[in-house]
Amino acid sequence: MTWTLVIHGGAGKLDSEMVSPEQDAGARAGLARALDVGSKVLADGGSALDAVEAAVRVLEDDPHFNSGARRGVHA
C-alpha cells in the first residue's frame, strides 16, 4: 500500500520579513517532527485518523504554532 501524509502549519501569509531565521527554523523543525510522527503511525500500519491525530498533537504542543493555544485547548 502506498500512502501520502500532507501537513501544514496554518493559514495566512508569512514571509522572511515577518519571522526571524530562528523562528523559521523552529517552525520547520516542528513541521518535520509532525510529519515524522504521523508517518511512523502509517508505516506501522496505523489508521489515517491515528496518523493525523498524532501529527496534530505535535503541532499543538509546539510553541511555533497556535493550534490549540488560541482556543486554550491542549490534549
N, C-alpha and C. Protein backbone atom coordinates (compact mmCIF):
# COMPACT_ATOMS: atom_id res chain seq x y z
N MET A 1 0.84 -1.18 0.00
CA MET A 1 0.00 0.00 0.00
C MET A 1 0.88 1.24 0.00
N THR A 2 0.50 2.21 -0.79
CA THR A 2 1.20 3.49 -0.83
C THR A 2 0.34 4.53 -0.14
N TRP A 3 0.96 5.36 0.67
CA TRP A 3 0.22 6.42 1.35
C TRP A 3 1.00 7.72 1.26
N THR A 4 0.30 8.80 1.47
CA THR A 4 0.90 10.13 1.49
C THR A 4 0.31 10.89 2.67
N LEU A 5 1.15 11.57 3.40
CA LEU A 5 0.71 12.41 4.52
C LEU A 5 1.10 13.84 4.20
N VAL A 6 0.13 14.74 4.26
CA VAL A 6 0.37 16.15 3.98
C VAL A 6 0.01 16.94 5.22
N ILE A 7 0.89 17.84 5.62
CA ILE A 7 0.63 18.68 6.79
C ILE A 7 0.85 20.14 6.40
N HIS A 8 0.35 21.05 7.22
CA HIS A 8 0.66 22.47 7.04
C HIS A 8 0.61 23.13 8.41
N GLY A 9 1.29 24.25 8.51
CA GLY A 9 1.41 24.93 9.79
C GLY A 9 0.39 26.03 10.00
N GLY A 10 -0.59 26.16 9.13
CA GLY A 10 -1.61 27.17 9.35
C GLY A 10 -1.96 27.90 8.07
N ALA A 11 -2.83 28.85 8.21
CA ALA A 11 -3.29 29.63 7.07
C ALA A 11 -2.69 31.03 7.14
N GLY A 12 -2.69 31.70 6.04
CA GLY A 12 -2.17 33.06 6.00
C GLY A 12 -0.83 33.12 5.32
N LYS A 13 -0.31 34.32 5.24
CA LYS A 13 0.96 34.54 4.55
C LYS A 13 2.02 34.95 5.55
N LEU A 14 3.08 34.20 5.57
CA LEU A 14 4.26 34.56 6.35
C LEU A 14 5.44 34.63 5.40
N ASP A 15 6.24 35.65 5.55
CA ASP A 15 7.45 35.72 4.75
C ASP A 15 8.63 36.05 5.64
N SER A 16 9.80 36.13 5.05
CA SER A 16 11.03 36.29 5.82
C SER A 16 11.09 37.60 6.58
N GLU A 17 10.29 38.57 6.22
CA GLU A 17 10.26 39.84 6.94
C GLU A 17 9.42 39.75 8.21
N MET A 18 8.62 38.70 8.34
CA MET A 18 7.72 38.57 9.48
C MET A 18 8.27 37.65 10.57
N VAL A 19 9.21 36.80 10.24
CA VAL A 19 9.75 35.86 11.21
C VAL A 19 11.27 35.87 11.14
N SER A 20 11.89 35.64 12.27
CA SER A 20 13.35 35.58 12.31
C SER A 20 13.82 34.24 11.73
N PRO A 21 15.08 34.16 11.37
CA PRO A 21 15.60 32.87 10.90
C PRO A 21 15.43 31.76 11.95
N GLU A 22 15.56 32.13 13.22
CA GLU A 22 15.39 31.14 14.29
C GLU A 22 13.94 30.65 14.37
N GLN A 23 12.98 31.58 14.24
CA GLN A 23 11.56 31.20 14.25
C GLN A 23 11.23 30.31 13.05
N ASP A 24 11.77 30.67 11.90
CA ASP A 24 11.55 29.88 10.70
C ASP A 24 12.10 28.47 10.88
N ALA A 25 13.32 28.38 11.39
CA ALA A 25 13.94 27.06 11.60
C ALA A 25 13.14 26.25 12.62
N GLY A 26 12.67 26.90 13.67
CA GLY A 26 11.88 26.20 14.68
C GLY A 26 10.57 25.68 14.13
N ALA A 27 9.90 26.51 13.32
CA ALA A 27 8.64 26.09 12.72
C ALA A 27 8.86 24.93 11.75
N ARG A 28 9.90 25.02 10.95
CA ARG A 28 10.19 23.93 10.01
C ARG A 28 10.54 22.64 10.75
N ALA A 29 11.25 22.77 11.86
CA ALA A 29 11.57 21.58 12.66
C ALA A 29 10.30 20.97 13.24
N GLY A 30 9.37 21.82 13.69
CA GLY A 30 8.10 21.33 14.22
C GLY A 30 7.29 20.61 13.15
N LEU A 31 7.28 21.16 11.96
CA LEU A 31 6.57 20.50 10.85
C LEU A 31 7.22 19.16 10.54
N ALA A 32 8.53 19.13 10.55
CA ALA A 32 9.23 17.86 10.27
C ALA A 32 8.91 16.82 11.34
N ARG A 33 8.87 17.25 12.62
CA ARG A 33 8.52 16.32 13.70
C ARG A 33 7.11 15.78 13.52
N ALA A 34 6.18 16.67 13.18
CA ALA A 34 4.79 16.24 12.97
C ALA A 34 4.70 15.24 11.83
N LEU A 35 5.40 15.52 10.76
CA LEU A 35 5.40 14.61 9.61
C LEU A 35 6.02 13.27 9.98
N ASP A 36 7.12 13.30 10.72
CA ASP A 36 7.77 12.05 11.14
C ASP A 36 6.86 11.21 12.03
N VAL A 37 6.19 11.86 12.98
CA VAL A 37 5.32 11.14 13.90
C VAL A 37 4.14 10.53 13.15
N GLY A 38 3.48 11.33 12.32
CA GLY A 38 2.35 10.81 11.55
C GLY A 38 2.75 9.72 10.58
N SER A 39 3.91 9.89 9.95
CA SER A 39 4.40 8.88 9.01
C SER A 39 4.70 7.57 9.71
N LYS A 40 5.24 7.65 10.91
CA LYS A 40 5.55 6.43 11.66
C LYS A 40 4.27 5.65 11.95
N VAL A 41 3.21 6.37 12.32
CA VAL A 41 1.93 5.69 12.58
C VAL A 41 1.49 4.92 11.33
N LEU A 42 1.54 5.58 10.18
CA LEU A 42 1.13 4.92 8.94
C LEU A 42 2.06 3.76 8.58
N ALA A 43 3.36 3.97 8.71
CA ALA A 43 4.33 2.93 8.38
C ALA A 43 4.16 1.70 9.26
N ASP A 44 3.71 1.93 10.49
CA ASP A 44 3.49 0.82 11.42
C ASP A 44 2.11 0.18 11.27
N GLY A 45 1.37 0.61 10.24
CA GLY A 45 0.06 0.01 9.98
C GLY A 45 -1.11 0.69 10.65
N GLY A 46 -0.86 1.85 11.27
CA GLY A 46 -1.94 2.58 11.93
C GLY A 46 -2.90 3.20 10.93
N SER A 47 -4.02 3.66 11.44
CA SER A 47 -5.04 4.25 10.58
C SER A 47 -4.68 5.69 10.21
N ALA A 48 -5.31 6.16 9.15
CA ALA A 48 -5.11 7.55 8.74
C ALA A 48 -5.54 8.50 9.85
N LEU A 49 -6.63 8.19 10.51
CA LEU A 49 -7.12 9.04 11.60
C LEU A 49 -6.09 9.10 12.72
N ASP A 50 -5.51 7.98 13.09
CA ASP A 50 -4.49 7.96 14.14
C ASP A 50 -3.25 8.76 13.72
N ALA A 51 -2.88 8.67 12.45
CA ALA A 51 -1.71 9.40 11.96
C ALA A 51 -1.96 10.90 12.02
N VAL A 52 -3.13 11.34 11.59
CA VAL A 52 -3.46 12.76 11.62
C VAL A 52 -3.51 13.26 13.05
N GLU A 53 -4.13 12.50 13.92
CA GLU A 53 -4.21 12.90 15.33
C GLU A 53 -2.81 13.04 15.93
N ALA A 54 -1.94 12.11 15.65
CA ALA A 54 -0.58 12.15 16.20
C ALA A 54 0.17 13.38 15.67
N ALA A 55 0.04 13.66 14.38
CA ALA A 55 0.72 14.81 13.79
C ALA A 55 0.17 16.12 14.36
N VAL A 56 -1.12 16.21 14.52
CA VAL A 56 -1.73 17.43 15.06
C VAL A 56 -1.31 17.65 16.51
N ARG A 57 -1.20 16.58 17.28
CA ARG A 57 -0.75 16.72 18.67
C ARG A 57 0.64 17.34 18.74
N VAL A 58 1.52 16.94 17.83
CA VAL A 58 2.86 17.53 17.79
C VAL A 58 2.77 19.03 17.55
N LEU A 59 1.95 19.44 16.59
CA LEU A 59 1.80 20.86 16.29
C LEU A 59 1.14 21.61 17.44
N GLU A 60 0.17 21.00 18.10
CA GLU A 60 -0.48 21.64 19.24
C GLU A 60 0.50 21.91 20.37
N ASP A 61 1.47 21.04 20.53
CA ASP A 61 2.44 21.18 21.61
C ASP A 61 3.64 22.04 21.24
N ASP A 62 3.71 22.45 19.99
CA ASP A 62 4.86 23.24 19.51
C ASP A 62 4.54 24.74 19.65
N PRO A 63 5.40 25.49 20.34
CA PRO A 63 5.12 26.92 20.53
C PRO A 63 5.18 27.76 19.25
N HIS A 64 5.67 27.20 18.17
CA HIS A 64 5.73 27.95 16.91
C HIS A 64 4.38 28.02 16.21
N PHE A 65 3.43 27.24 16.70
CA PHE A 65 2.11 27.20 16.08
C PHE A 65 1.06 27.53 17.12
N ASN A 66 -0.05 28.09 16.67
CA ASN A 66 -1.10 28.47 17.62
C ASN A 66 -2.26 27.50 17.64
N SER A 67 -2.08 26.33 17.05
CA SER A 67 -3.16 25.35 17.07
C SER A 67 -3.41 24.93 18.51
N GLY A 68 -4.63 24.98 18.92
CA GLY A 68 -4.97 24.64 20.30
C GLY A 68 -4.79 25.80 21.24
N ALA A 69 -3.67 26.51 21.16
CA ALA A 69 -3.38 27.59 22.08
C ALA A 69 -4.38 28.73 21.95
N ARG A 70 -4.81 29.01 20.73
CA ARG A 70 -5.75 30.09 20.51
C ARG A 70 -7.06 29.81 21.24
N ARG A 71 -7.44 28.55 21.27
CA ARG A 71 -8.67 28.17 21.93
C ARG A 71 -8.43 27.81 23.39
N GLY A 72 -7.17 27.82 23.81
CA GLY A 72 -6.86 27.43 25.16
C GLY A 72 -7.03 25.93 25.39
N VAL A 73 -6.90 25.14 24.34
CA VAL A 73 -7.13 23.70 24.43
C VAL A 73 -5.82 22.98 24.14
N HIS A 74 -5.46 22.07 25.00
CA HIS A 74 -4.33 21.18 24.75
C HIS A 74 -4.74 19.79 25.16
N ALA A 75 -4.53 18.86 24.26
CA ALA A 75 -4.91 17.47 24.55
C ALA A 75 -3.84 16.77 25.35
